N, C-alpha and C. Protein backbone atom coordinates (compact mmCIF):
# COMPACT_ATOMS: atom_id res chain seq x y z
N UNK A 1 -39.44 14.60 41.34
CA UNK A 1 -40.44 13.91 40.52
C UNK A 1 -40.02 12.47 40.21
N UNK A 2 -38.68 12.26 40.12
CA UNK A 2 -38.18 10.93 39.78
C UNK A 2 -38.65 9.85 40.72
N UNK A 3 -38.69 10.15 42.01
CA UNK A 3 -39.10 9.14 42.98
C UNK A 3 -40.54 8.71 42.76
N UNK A 4 -41.38 9.64 42.29
CA UNK A 4 -42.79 9.31 42.07
C UNK A 4 -42.98 8.52 40.78
N UNK A 5 -42.09 8.74 39.81
CA UNK A 5 -42.10 7.90 38.60
C UNK A 5 -41.76 6.47 39.00
N UNK A 6 -40.77 6.32 39.87
CA UNK A 6 -40.39 4.99 40.35
C UNK A 6 -41.52 4.33 41.11
N UNK A 7 -42.22 5.11 41.92
CA UNK A 7 -43.36 4.57 42.68
C UNK A 7 -44.44 4.10 41.72
N UNK A 8 -44.64 4.87 40.64
CA UNK A 8 -45.63 4.49 39.63
C UNK A 8 -45.25 3.17 38.96
N UNK A 9 -43.94 2.99 38.72
CA UNK A 9 -43.45 1.76 38.09
C UNK A 9 -43.63 0.56 39.01
N UNK A 10 -43.36 0.75 40.29
CA UNK A 10 -43.47 -0.37 41.25
C UNK A 10 -44.90 -0.64 41.69
N UNK A 11 -45.81 0.25 41.31
CA UNK A 11 -47.23 0.07 41.64
C UNK A 11 -48.07 0.21 40.37
N UNK A 12 -47.92 -0.73 39.41
CA UNK A 12 -48.58 -0.60 38.11
C UNK A 12 -50.10 -0.62 38.16
N UNK A 13 -50.66 -1.13 39.23
CA UNK A 13 -52.12 -1.19 39.33
C UNK A 13 -52.76 0.08 39.86
N UNK A 14 -51.93 1.10 40.14
CA UNK A 14 -52.44 2.35 40.70
C UNK A 14 -52.30 3.47 39.67
N UNK A 15 -53.33 4.28 39.54
CA UNK A 15 -53.34 5.39 38.60
C UNK A 15 -52.20 6.38 38.90
N UNK A 16 -51.29 6.65 37.93
CA UNK A 16 -50.16 7.56 38.17
C UNK A 16 -50.59 8.95 38.64
N UNK A 17 -51.68 9.47 38.08
CA UNK A 17 -52.14 10.80 38.52
C UNK A 17 -52.63 10.76 39.96
N UNK A 18 -53.13 9.61 40.38
CA UNK A 18 -53.55 9.45 41.77
C UNK A 18 -52.37 9.51 42.72
N UNK A 19 -51.23 8.99 42.27
CA UNK A 19 -50.01 9.05 43.09
C UNK A 19 -49.60 10.49 43.32
N UNK A 20 -49.69 11.31 42.28
CA UNK A 20 -49.36 12.73 42.43
C UNK A 20 -50.39 13.45 43.30
N UNK A 21 -51.65 13.04 43.18
CA UNK A 21 -52.69 13.62 44.04
C UNK A 21 -52.41 13.33 45.51
N UNK A 22 -51.99 12.09 45.77
CA UNK A 22 -51.68 11.71 47.15
C UNK A 22 -50.46 12.46 47.65
N UNK A 23 -49.46 12.61 46.78
CA UNK A 23 -48.27 13.39 47.16
C UNK A 23 -48.67 14.80 47.56
N UNK A 24 -49.51 15.45 46.74
CA UNK A 24 -49.94 16.81 47.05
C UNK A 24 -50.71 16.86 48.36
N UNK A 25 -51.53 15.85 48.59
CA UNK A 25 -52.32 15.77 49.84
C UNK A 25 -51.38 15.72 51.04
N UNK A 26 -50.35 14.89 50.95
CA UNK A 26 -49.39 14.77 52.05
C UNK A 26 -48.57 16.05 52.24
N UNK A 27 -48.15 16.65 51.13
CA UNK A 27 -47.35 17.88 51.21
C UNK A 27 -48.14 18.99 51.91
N UNK A 28 -49.42 19.09 51.59
CA UNK A 28 -50.26 20.12 52.21
C UNK A 28 -50.41 19.90 53.71
N UNK A 29 -50.16 18.67 54.16
CA UNK A 29 -50.33 18.34 55.58
C UNK A 29 -49.01 17.89 56.21
N UNK A 30 -47.90 18.33 55.64
CA UNK A 30 -46.59 17.86 56.09
C UNK A 30 -46.29 18.24 57.54
N UNK A 31 -46.92 19.29 58.04
CA UNK A 31 -46.66 19.70 59.42
C UNK A 31 -47.26 18.73 60.44
N UNK A 32 -48.14 17.86 59.99
CA UNK A 32 -48.70 16.84 60.89
C UNK A 32 -48.64 15.47 60.21
N UNK A 33 -47.51 15.23 59.56
CA UNK A 33 -47.38 14.01 58.75
C UNK A 33 -47.47 12.73 59.58
N UNK A 34 -47.08 12.79 60.86
CA UNK A 34 -47.16 11.60 61.70
C UNK A 34 -48.60 11.10 61.83
N UNK A 35 -49.57 12.02 61.73
CA UNK A 35 -50.97 11.64 61.85
C UNK A 35 -51.43 10.84 60.64
N UNK A 36 -50.66 10.90 59.55
CA UNK A 36 -51.04 10.23 58.31
C UNK A 36 -50.49 8.81 58.23
N UNK A 37 -49.64 8.44 59.19
CA UNK A 37 -49.08 7.08 59.25
C UNK A 37 -50.15 6.13 59.79
N UNK A 38 -50.47 5.05 59.08
CA UNK A 38 -51.46 4.10 59.59
C UNK A 38 -51.04 3.54 60.95
N UNK A 39 -52.00 3.40 61.84
CA UNK A 39 -51.71 2.88 63.17
C UNK A 39 -51.40 1.39 63.13
N UNK A 40 -50.67 0.94 64.13
CA UNK A 40 -50.47 -0.49 64.32
C UNK A 40 -51.85 -1.12 64.48
N UNK A 41 -52.13 -2.23 63.79
CA UNK A 41 -53.46 -2.84 63.86
C UNK A 41 -53.89 -3.27 65.26
N UNK A 42 -52.94 -3.40 66.18
CA UNK A 42 -53.29 -3.80 67.54
C UNK A 42 -53.54 -2.61 68.46
N UNK A 43 -53.35 -1.40 67.96
CA UNK A 43 -53.51 -0.21 68.80
C UNK A 43 -54.99 0.14 68.96
N UNK A 44 -55.36 0.84 70.05
CA UNK A 44 -56.76 1.17 70.30
C UNK A 44 -57.39 2.05 69.22
N UNK A 45 -56.57 2.85 68.53
CA UNK A 45 -57.13 3.76 67.53
C UNK A 45 -57.03 3.21 66.11
N UNK A 46 -56.75 1.91 65.97
CA UNK A 46 -56.53 1.32 64.65
C UNK A 46 -57.74 1.47 63.74
N UNK A 47 -58.93 1.21 64.25
CA UNK A 47 -60.13 1.28 63.42
C UNK A 47 -60.32 2.68 62.86
N UNK A 48 -60.23 3.69 63.71
CA UNK A 48 -60.39 5.07 63.26
C UNK A 48 -59.30 5.44 62.25
N UNK A 49 -58.09 4.97 62.50
CA UNK A 49 -56.96 5.26 61.61
C UNK A 49 -57.21 4.72 60.21
N UNK A 50 -57.71 3.49 60.11
CA UNK A 50 -57.91 2.88 58.80
C UNK A 50 -59.13 3.42 58.07
N UNK A 51 -60.13 3.84 58.80
CA UNK A 51 -61.26 4.52 58.16
C UNK A 51 -60.75 5.78 57.46
N UNK A 52 -59.87 6.51 58.13
CA UNK A 52 -59.30 7.74 57.56
C UNK A 52 -58.38 7.44 56.38
N UNK A 53 -57.58 6.38 56.50
CA UNK A 53 -56.69 6.00 55.40
C UNK A 53 -57.50 5.65 54.16
N UNK A 54 -58.56 4.87 54.34
CA UNK A 54 -59.40 4.48 53.20
C UNK A 54 -60.07 5.70 52.57
N UNK A 55 -60.44 6.67 53.40
CA UNK A 55 -61.03 7.90 52.88
C UNK A 55 -60.01 8.67 52.04
N UNK A 56 -58.76 8.73 52.51
CA UNK A 56 -57.70 9.42 51.74
C UNK A 56 -57.46 8.72 50.41
N UNK A 57 -57.47 7.40 50.43
CA UNK A 57 -57.26 6.64 49.19
C UNK A 57 -58.40 6.92 48.22
N UNK A 58 -59.63 6.95 48.72
CA UNK A 58 -60.77 7.29 47.86
C UNK A 58 -60.59 8.64 47.19
N UNK A 59 -60.09 9.61 47.95
CA UNK A 59 -59.95 10.98 47.44
C UNK A 59 -58.79 11.16 46.48
N UNK A 60 -57.79 10.28 46.56
CA UNK A 60 -56.56 10.51 45.79
C UNK A 60 -56.19 9.36 44.86
N UNK A 61 -55.86 8.21 45.41
CA UNK A 61 -55.34 7.11 44.61
C UNK A 61 -56.40 6.41 43.77
N UNK A 62 -57.61 6.33 44.28
CA UNK A 62 -58.68 5.60 43.59
C UNK A 62 -59.14 6.35 42.34
N UNK A 63 -59.07 5.67 41.20
CA UNK A 63 -59.48 6.30 39.95
C UNK A 63 -60.98 6.56 39.93
N UNK A 64 -61.74 5.66 40.54
CA UNK A 64 -63.19 5.83 40.57
C UNK A 64 -63.64 6.79 41.66
N UNK A 65 -62.78 6.96 42.67
CA UNK A 65 -63.13 7.85 43.78
C UNK A 65 -63.94 7.18 44.86
N UNK A 66 -64.26 5.91 44.67
CA UNK A 66 -65.06 5.21 45.69
C UNK A 66 -64.64 3.75 45.83
N UNK A 67 -63.34 3.51 45.78
CA UNK A 67 -62.83 2.14 45.90
C UNK A 67 -63.31 1.47 47.18
N UNK A 68 -63.44 2.27 48.25
CA UNK A 68 -63.89 1.72 49.53
C UNK A 68 -65.31 2.16 49.87
N UNK A 69 -66.03 2.69 48.89
CA UNK A 69 -67.42 3.05 49.08
C UNK A 69 -67.61 4.28 49.96
N UNK A 70 -68.84 4.44 50.46
CA UNK A 70 -69.15 5.58 51.32
C UNK A 70 -68.60 5.35 52.73
N UNK A 71 -68.90 6.28 53.64
CA UNK A 71 -68.33 6.17 54.99
C UNK A 71 -68.76 4.88 55.67
N UNK A 72 -70.01 4.50 55.51
CA UNK A 72 -70.50 3.26 56.14
C UNK A 72 -69.72 2.06 55.64
N UNK A 73 -69.54 2.00 54.33
CA UNK A 73 -68.82 0.87 53.73
C UNK A 73 -67.34 0.91 54.13
N UNK A 74 -66.74 2.09 54.17
CA UNK A 74 -65.34 2.22 54.58
C UNK A 74 -65.14 1.75 56.01
N UNK A 75 -66.09 2.11 56.88
CA UNK A 75 -66.02 1.67 58.28
C UNK A 75 -66.09 0.15 58.36
N UNK A 76 -67.02 -0.43 57.61
CA UNK A 76 -67.21 -1.88 57.62
C UNK A 76 -65.94 -2.60 57.15
N UNK A 77 -65.34 -2.07 56.08
CA UNK A 77 -64.12 -2.68 55.55
C UNK A 77 -62.93 -2.47 56.48
N UNK A 78 -62.86 -1.30 57.10
CA UNK A 78 -61.77 -1.03 58.05
C UNK A 78 -61.86 -1.99 59.24
N UNK A 79 -63.07 -2.22 59.74
CA UNK A 79 -63.27 -3.15 60.85
C UNK A 79 -62.80 -4.55 60.47
N UNK A 80 -63.18 -4.97 59.27
CA UNK A 80 -62.79 -6.30 58.81
C UNK A 80 -61.27 -6.41 58.65
N UNK A 81 -60.66 -5.40 58.04
CA UNK A 81 -59.22 -5.44 57.77
C UNK A 81 -58.41 -5.39 59.06
N UNK A 82 -58.82 -4.56 60.01
CA UNK A 82 -58.11 -4.48 61.29
C UNK A 82 -58.20 -5.82 62.02
N UNK A 83 -59.39 -6.40 62.07
CA UNK A 83 -59.54 -7.71 62.72
C UNK A 83 -58.73 -8.78 62.00
N UNK A 84 -58.71 -8.71 60.68
CA UNK A 84 -57.93 -9.66 59.88
C UNK A 84 -56.45 -9.56 60.24
N UNK A 85 -55.92 -8.33 60.29
CA UNK A 85 -54.50 -8.14 60.60
C UNK A 85 -54.17 -8.53 62.03
N UNK A 86 -55.14 -8.42 62.92
CA UNK A 86 -54.92 -8.81 64.32
C UNK A 86 -54.87 -10.32 64.49
N UNK A 87 -55.24 -11.05 63.43
CA UNK A 87 -55.25 -12.50 63.52
C UNK A 87 -56.54 -13.06 64.07
N UNK A 88 -57.61 -12.27 64.01
CA UNK A 88 -58.90 -12.75 64.51
C UNK A 88 -59.43 -13.85 63.58
N UNK A 89 -60.05 -14.89 64.14
CA UNK A 89 -60.62 -15.96 63.32
C UNK A 89 -61.72 -15.43 62.40
N UNK A 90 -61.94 -16.13 61.30
CA UNK A 90 -62.99 -15.74 60.35
C UNK A 90 -64.34 -15.66 61.06
N UNK A 91 -64.56 -16.57 62.02
CA UNK A 91 -65.83 -16.56 62.76
C UNK A 91 -66.04 -15.23 63.47
N UNK A 92 -64.96 -14.64 63.99
CA UNK A 92 -65.05 -13.34 64.67
C UNK A 92 -65.38 -12.24 63.66
N UNK A 93 -64.80 -12.32 62.47
CA UNK A 93 -65.08 -11.33 61.43
C UNK A 93 -66.55 -11.39 61.03
N UNK A 94 -67.08 -12.61 60.94
CA UNK A 94 -68.48 -12.79 60.58
C UNK A 94 -69.39 -12.26 61.69
N UNK A 95 -69.05 -12.57 62.94
CA UNK A 95 -69.86 -12.12 64.08
C UNK A 95 -69.90 -10.60 64.14
N UNK A 96 -68.75 -9.95 63.94
CA UNK A 96 -68.70 -8.49 63.98
C UNK A 96 -69.52 -7.88 62.85
N UNK A 97 -69.46 -8.49 61.67
CA UNK A 97 -70.24 -7.98 60.53
C UNK A 97 -71.73 -8.14 60.79
N UNK A 98 -72.12 -9.28 61.33
CA UNK A 98 -73.53 -9.52 61.63
C UNK A 98 -74.03 -8.51 62.66
N UNK A 99 -73.21 -8.26 63.69
CA UNK A 99 -73.58 -7.29 64.74
C UNK A 99 -73.71 -5.89 64.15
N UNK A 100 -72.78 -5.53 63.28
CA UNK A 100 -72.81 -4.21 62.66
C UNK A 100 -74.05 -4.05 61.78
N UNK A 101 -74.37 -5.08 61.01
CA UNK A 101 -75.54 -5.03 60.13
C UNK A 101 -76.83 -4.86 60.94
N UNK A 102 -76.94 -5.61 62.04
CA UNK A 102 -78.15 -5.52 62.87
C UNK A 102 -78.26 -4.14 63.52
N UNK A 103 -77.12 -3.60 63.95
CA UNK A 103 -77.11 -2.28 64.59
C UNK A 103 -77.59 -1.21 63.62
N UNK A 104 -77.30 -1.42 62.34
CA UNK A 104 -77.70 -0.44 61.31
C UNK A 104 -79.06 -0.76 60.71
N UNK A 105 -79.76 -1.73 61.31
CA UNK A 105 -81.10 -2.06 60.83
C UNK A 105 -81.12 -2.97 59.63
N UNK A 106 -80.01 -3.67 59.37
CA UNK A 106 -79.94 -4.56 58.22
C UNK A 106 -80.78 -5.81 58.41
N UNK A 107 -81.18 -6.41 57.29
CA UNK A 107 -82.02 -7.62 57.34
C UNK A 107 -81.38 -8.77 56.57
N UNK A 108 -80.08 -8.73 56.38
CA UNK A 108 -79.41 -9.77 55.61
C UNK A 108 -79.38 -11.08 56.40
N UNK A 109 -79.56 -12.18 55.68
CA UNK A 109 -79.50 -13.50 56.32
C UNK A 109 -78.06 -13.81 56.71
N UNK A 110 -77.88 -14.74 57.62
CA UNK A 110 -76.54 -15.11 58.06
C UNK A 110 -75.73 -15.68 56.89
N UNK A 111 -76.41 -16.39 55.97
CA UNK A 111 -75.71 -16.93 54.80
C UNK A 111 -75.14 -15.82 53.93
N UNK A 112 -75.91 -14.75 53.79
CA UNK A 112 -75.45 -13.61 52.99
C UNK A 112 -74.29 -12.91 53.69
N UNK A 113 -74.39 -12.76 55.01
CA UNK A 113 -73.32 -12.12 55.78
C UNK A 113 -72.03 -12.92 55.65
N UNK A 114 -72.12 -14.24 55.79
CA UNK A 114 -70.94 -15.10 55.67
C UNK A 114 -70.32 -14.95 54.29
N UNK A 115 -71.16 -15.01 53.27
CA UNK A 115 -70.65 -14.90 51.89
C UNK A 115 -69.97 -13.55 51.67
N UNK A 116 -70.59 -12.48 52.15
CA UNK A 116 -70.03 -11.14 51.97
C UNK A 116 -68.68 -10.98 52.69
N UNK A 117 -68.59 -11.54 53.90
CA UNK A 117 -67.33 -11.44 54.65
C UNK A 117 -66.22 -12.18 53.92
N UNK A 118 -66.51 -13.40 53.47
CA UNK A 118 -65.48 -14.18 52.76
C UNK A 118 -65.05 -13.48 51.48
N UNK A 119 -66.00 -12.88 50.78
CA UNK A 119 -65.67 -12.14 49.55
C UNK A 119 -64.81 -10.92 49.87
N UNK A 120 -65.15 -10.22 50.96
CA UNK A 120 -64.39 -9.02 51.33
C UNK A 120 -62.97 -9.37 51.79
N UNK A 121 -62.83 -10.51 52.46
CA UNK A 121 -61.48 -10.93 52.86
C UNK A 121 -60.62 -11.17 51.63
N UNK A 122 -61.16 -11.90 50.65
CA UNK A 122 -60.39 -12.20 49.44
C UNK A 122 -60.15 -10.96 48.59
N UNK A 123 -61.18 -10.15 48.41
CA UNK A 123 -61.07 -8.99 47.51
C UNK A 123 -60.34 -7.82 48.14
N UNK A 124 -60.70 -7.50 49.39
CA UNK A 124 -60.14 -6.31 50.03
C UNK A 124 -58.92 -6.61 50.91
N UNK A 125 -59.10 -7.46 51.92
CA UNK A 125 -58.01 -7.70 52.87
C UNK A 125 -56.77 -8.29 52.19
N UNK A 126 -56.98 -9.12 51.17
CA UNK A 126 -55.84 -9.82 50.56
C UNK A 126 -55.43 -9.26 49.20
N UNK A 127 -56.19 -8.30 48.66
CA UNK A 127 -55.82 -7.77 47.35
C UNK A 127 -55.86 -6.25 47.28
N UNK A 128 -57.05 -5.66 47.39
CA UNK A 128 -57.18 -4.21 47.18
C UNK A 128 -56.44 -3.41 48.25
N UNK A 129 -56.63 -3.75 49.52
CA UNK A 129 -55.95 -2.98 50.58
C UNK A 129 -54.43 -3.10 50.48
N UNK A 130 -53.85 -4.31 50.32
CA UNK A 130 -52.39 -4.38 50.16
C UNK A 130 -51.89 -3.58 48.97
N UNK A 131 -52.64 -3.62 47.86
CA UNK A 131 -52.22 -2.89 46.66
C UNK A 131 -52.13 -1.40 46.93
N UNK A 132 -53.18 -0.83 47.48
CA UNK A 132 -53.19 0.61 47.73
C UNK A 132 -52.32 0.99 48.92
N UNK A 133 -52.26 0.13 49.93
CA UNK A 133 -51.48 0.47 51.12
C UNK A 133 -49.99 0.53 50.80
N UNK A 134 -49.52 -0.38 49.94
CA UNK A 134 -48.10 -0.36 49.55
C UNK A 134 -47.76 0.97 48.90
N UNK A 135 -48.62 1.43 48.01
CA UNK A 135 -48.39 2.71 47.33
C UNK A 135 -48.51 3.87 48.30
N UNK A 136 -49.51 3.85 49.16
CA UNK A 136 -49.73 4.89 50.16
C UNK A 136 -48.48 5.08 51.01
N UNK A 137 -47.91 3.98 51.47
CA UNK A 137 -46.74 4.05 52.35
C UNK A 137 -45.50 4.53 51.60
N UNK A 138 -45.34 4.12 50.35
CA UNK A 138 -44.19 4.58 49.55
C UNK A 138 -44.26 6.09 49.33
N UNK A 139 -45.44 6.59 49.01
CA UNK A 139 -45.60 8.03 48.78
C UNK A 139 -45.37 8.80 50.09
N UNK A 140 -45.89 8.29 51.18
CA UNK A 140 -45.72 8.94 52.48
C UNK A 140 -44.24 9.04 52.85
N UNK A 141 -43.52 7.96 52.65
CA UNK A 141 -42.09 7.96 52.97
C UNK A 141 -41.31 8.89 52.04
N UNK A 142 -41.71 8.96 50.77
CA UNK A 142 -41.04 9.86 49.82
C UNK A 142 -41.24 11.32 50.20
N UNK A 143 -42.46 11.68 50.58
CA UNK A 143 -42.75 13.05 51.00
C UNK A 143 -41.97 13.39 52.26
N UNK A 144 -41.89 12.46 53.19
CA UNK A 144 -41.14 12.69 54.43
C UNK A 144 -39.67 12.94 54.12
N UNK A 145 -39.09 12.14 53.23
CA UNK A 145 -37.67 12.32 52.87
C UNK A 145 -37.43 13.67 52.20
N UNK A 146 -38.29 14.02 51.26
CA UNK A 146 -38.11 15.27 50.52
C UNK A 146 -38.21 16.50 51.42
N UNK A 147 -39.00 16.39 52.46
CA UNK A 147 -39.19 17.52 53.37
C UNK A 147 -38.39 17.38 54.66
N UNK A 148 -37.47 16.40 54.65
CA UNK A 148 -36.59 16.16 55.79
C UNK A 148 -37.38 16.01 57.09
N UNK A 149 -38.44 15.22 56.99
CA UNK A 149 -39.29 14.95 58.13
C UNK A 149 -39.06 13.53 58.60
N UNK A 150 -39.21 13.32 59.88
CA UNK A 150 -39.04 11.98 60.43
C UNK A 150 -40.40 11.38 60.77
N UNK A 151 -40.61 10.17 60.30
CA UNK A 151 -41.82 9.43 60.67
C UNK A 151 -41.38 8.06 61.16
N UNK A 152 -42.16 7.51 62.06
CA UNK A 152 -41.85 6.20 62.61
C UNK A 152 -42.32 5.13 61.63
N UNK A 153 -41.38 4.52 60.93
CA UNK A 153 -41.72 3.51 59.93
C UNK A 153 -41.47 2.09 60.42
N UNK A 154 -41.19 1.95 61.70
CA UNK A 154 -40.81 0.64 62.25
C UNK A 154 -41.90 -0.42 62.05
N UNK A 155 -43.16 0.02 62.05
CA UNK A 155 -44.25 -0.95 61.96
C UNK A 155 -44.77 -1.12 60.53
N UNK A 156 -44.23 -0.34 59.58
CA UNK A 156 -44.79 -0.35 58.23
C UNK A 156 -44.53 -1.65 57.48
N UNK A 157 -43.33 -2.20 57.64
CA UNK A 157 -43.02 -3.47 56.97
C UNK A 157 -43.89 -4.58 57.54
N UNK A 158 -44.08 -4.59 58.84
CA UNK A 158 -44.93 -5.59 59.49
C UNK A 158 -46.37 -5.45 59.03
N UNK A 159 -46.76 -4.22 58.69
CA UNK A 159 -48.12 -3.95 58.24
C UNK A 159 -48.44 -4.74 56.97
N UNK A 160 -47.52 -4.73 56.01
CA UNK A 160 -47.73 -5.45 54.77
C UNK A 160 -47.79 -6.96 55.01
N UNK A 161 -46.98 -7.44 55.94
CA UNK A 161 -46.98 -8.87 56.28
C UNK A 161 -48.32 -9.24 56.93
N UNK A 162 -48.80 -8.37 57.81
CA UNK A 162 -50.08 -8.63 58.49
C UNK A 162 -51.22 -8.70 57.49
N UNK A 163 -51.18 -7.84 56.46
CA UNK A 163 -52.22 -7.86 55.44
C UNK A 163 -52.15 -9.14 54.61
N UNK A 164 -50.93 -9.54 54.27
CA UNK A 164 -50.77 -10.73 53.42
C UNK A 164 -51.21 -12.00 54.12
N UNK A 165 -50.81 -12.16 55.38
CA UNK A 165 -51.06 -13.42 56.08
C UNK A 165 -52.23 -13.37 57.07
N UNK A 166 -52.69 -12.17 57.42
CA UNK A 166 -53.79 -12.07 58.35
C UNK A 166 -53.42 -12.38 59.77
N UNK A 167 -52.19 -12.04 60.16
CA UNK A 167 -51.73 -12.23 61.54
C UNK A 167 -50.91 -11.01 61.95
N UNK A 168 -50.78 -10.80 63.25
CA UNK A 168 -50.05 -9.62 63.71
C UNK A 168 -48.82 -9.94 64.53
N UNK A 169 -48.69 -11.17 65.00
CA UNK A 169 -47.54 -11.50 65.85
C UNK A 169 -46.49 -12.29 65.09
N UNK A 170 -45.25 -12.16 65.53
CA UNK A 170 -44.14 -12.89 64.93
C UNK A 170 -44.32 -14.39 65.10
N UNK A 171 -44.90 -14.79 66.23
CA UNK A 171 -45.13 -16.22 66.47
C UNK A 171 -46.08 -16.82 65.44
N UNK A 172 -47.20 -16.12 65.18
CA UNK A 172 -48.15 -16.60 64.17
C UNK A 172 -47.47 -16.73 62.81
N UNK A 173 -46.68 -15.72 62.46
CA UNK A 173 -46.00 -15.73 61.17
C UNK A 173 -45.02 -16.90 61.07
N UNK A 174 -44.28 -17.14 62.15
CA UNK A 174 -43.32 -18.25 62.16
C UNK A 174 -44.03 -19.59 61.99
N UNK A 175 -45.20 -19.73 62.62
CA UNK A 175 -45.96 -20.97 62.50
C UNK A 175 -46.48 -21.16 61.08
N UNK A 176 -46.89 -20.07 60.44
CA UNK A 176 -47.34 -20.15 59.05
C UNK A 176 -46.19 -20.56 58.14
N UNK A 177 -45.01 -20.03 58.41
CA UNK A 177 -43.84 -20.39 57.60
C UNK A 177 -43.46 -21.85 57.77
N UNK A 178 -43.87 -22.41 58.91
CA UNK A 178 -43.61 -23.84 59.14
C UNK A 178 -44.58 -24.71 58.33
N UNK A 179 -45.62 -24.10 57.79
CA UNK A 179 -46.57 -24.84 56.97
C UNK A 179 -47.98 -24.88 57.52
N UNK A 180 -48.22 -24.27 58.68
CA UNK A 180 -49.57 -24.26 59.25
C UNK A 180 -50.45 -23.27 58.49
N UNK A 181 -51.73 -23.57 58.44
CA UNK A 181 -52.68 -22.62 57.86
C UNK A 181 -52.85 -21.45 58.82
N UNK A 182 -53.45 -20.37 58.34
CA UNK A 182 -53.71 -19.22 59.22
C UNK A 182 -54.53 -19.65 60.43
N UNK A 183 -55.59 -20.42 60.19
CA UNK A 183 -56.47 -20.86 61.28
C UNK A 183 -55.71 -21.69 62.31
N UNK A 184 -54.88 -22.62 61.83
CA UNK A 184 -54.11 -23.47 62.74
C UNK A 184 -53.06 -22.66 63.49
N UNK A 185 -52.41 -21.73 62.79
CA UNK A 185 -51.38 -20.90 63.43
C UNK A 185 -51.97 -20.07 64.56
N UNK A 186 -53.17 -19.54 64.34
CA UNK A 186 -53.84 -18.74 65.38
C UNK A 186 -54.19 -19.62 66.58
N UNK A 187 -54.70 -20.82 66.31
CA UNK A 187 -55.09 -21.74 67.39
C UNK A 187 -53.87 -22.17 68.20
N UNK A 188 -52.79 -22.53 67.52
CA UNK A 188 -51.57 -22.96 68.21
C UNK A 188 -50.93 -21.78 68.92
N UNK A 189 -50.93 -20.62 68.27
CA UNK A 189 -50.33 -19.42 68.86
C UNK A 189 -50.98 -19.03 70.17
N UNK A 190 -52.27 -19.33 70.31
CA UNK A 190 -52.98 -18.99 71.54
C UNK A 190 -52.45 -19.78 72.73
N UNK A 191 -51.76 -20.88 72.45
CA UNK A 191 -51.22 -21.73 73.52
C UNK A 191 -49.77 -21.38 73.85
N UNK A 192 -49.20 -20.44 73.10
CA UNK A 192 -47.80 -20.06 73.29
C UNK A 192 -47.73 -18.68 73.92
N UNK A 193 -47.05 -18.57 75.05
CA UNK A 193 -46.98 -17.30 75.77
C UNK A 193 -46.15 -16.26 75.03
N UNK A 194 -45.10 -16.69 74.36
CA UNK A 194 -44.19 -15.78 73.67
C UNK A 194 -44.75 -15.45 72.29
N UNK A 195 -45.06 -14.17 72.05
CA UNK A 195 -45.62 -13.79 70.75
C UNK A 195 -44.56 -13.27 69.78
N UNK A 196 -43.29 -13.51 70.09
CA UNK A 196 -42.21 -13.02 69.23
C UNK A 196 -41.24 -14.13 68.84
N UNK A 197 -41.75 -15.35 68.73
CA UNK A 197 -40.90 -16.48 68.36
C UNK A 197 -40.35 -16.32 66.94
N UNK A 198 -39.09 -16.65 66.76
CA UNK A 198 -38.50 -16.68 65.43
C UNK A 198 -38.88 -17.99 64.75
N UNK A 199 -38.53 -18.13 63.47
CA UNK A 199 -38.80 -19.38 62.77
C UNK A 199 -38.12 -20.55 63.47
N UNK A 200 -36.89 -20.33 63.92
CA UNK A 200 -36.15 -21.38 64.62
C UNK A 200 -36.80 -21.72 65.95
N UNK A 201 -37.26 -20.69 66.67
CA UNK A 201 -37.90 -20.92 67.95
C UNK A 201 -39.20 -21.69 67.81
N UNK A 202 -39.94 -21.42 66.72
CA UNK A 202 -41.20 -22.11 66.50
C UNK A 202 -40.99 -23.59 66.18
N UNK A 203 -39.84 -23.90 65.58
CA UNK A 203 -39.55 -25.30 65.27
C UNK A 203 -39.25 -26.10 66.52
N UNK A 204 -38.80 -25.42 67.57
CA UNK A 204 -38.51 -26.10 68.82
C UNK A 204 -37.13 -26.72 68.83
N UNK A 205 -36.78 -27.36 69.96
CA UNK A 205 -35.44 -27.97 70.10
C UNK A 205 -35.27 -29.17 69.17
């Protein structure tokens, strides 16, 4: 129980009872715990993975039970967050949202779509998702340790970085650390073949 008290302390914005609910959810599914690890945002199944993660958060960590809305809203937010973490330009996020709205018979103007996407990036991609995802991953790792289970956590640290900066490659991150904006880092990164440049490598000779 002590580890979950610590998780509650390090995640003050998350309901403590929700943390225990998530722990119980993971324990009940410990035999397939690897399936509960969020996919790398660049993997083919990333969208499906994050729709499921958001659904689990709604059922457990979210005090209201609908932090990510219904399935349609969860899908829309998962699409935006995955594209954000992949380093897709804001224009691509807007285009995908517009396409999704039209496919579902929506009649929102392009101005409304743009405004909604920008609001979702600030509210969800840069705040709500990182907040809940940090807690989700801590609980998942705690359950794995307690049950002597092995999960691949190699991509989990990078996941938080991708959420914070909206990029997925080491090169993009190095360029941002040099002082470039996300948009500029993505544009410059497209011209660099090596996607694993260190900070020193990005500075050049």
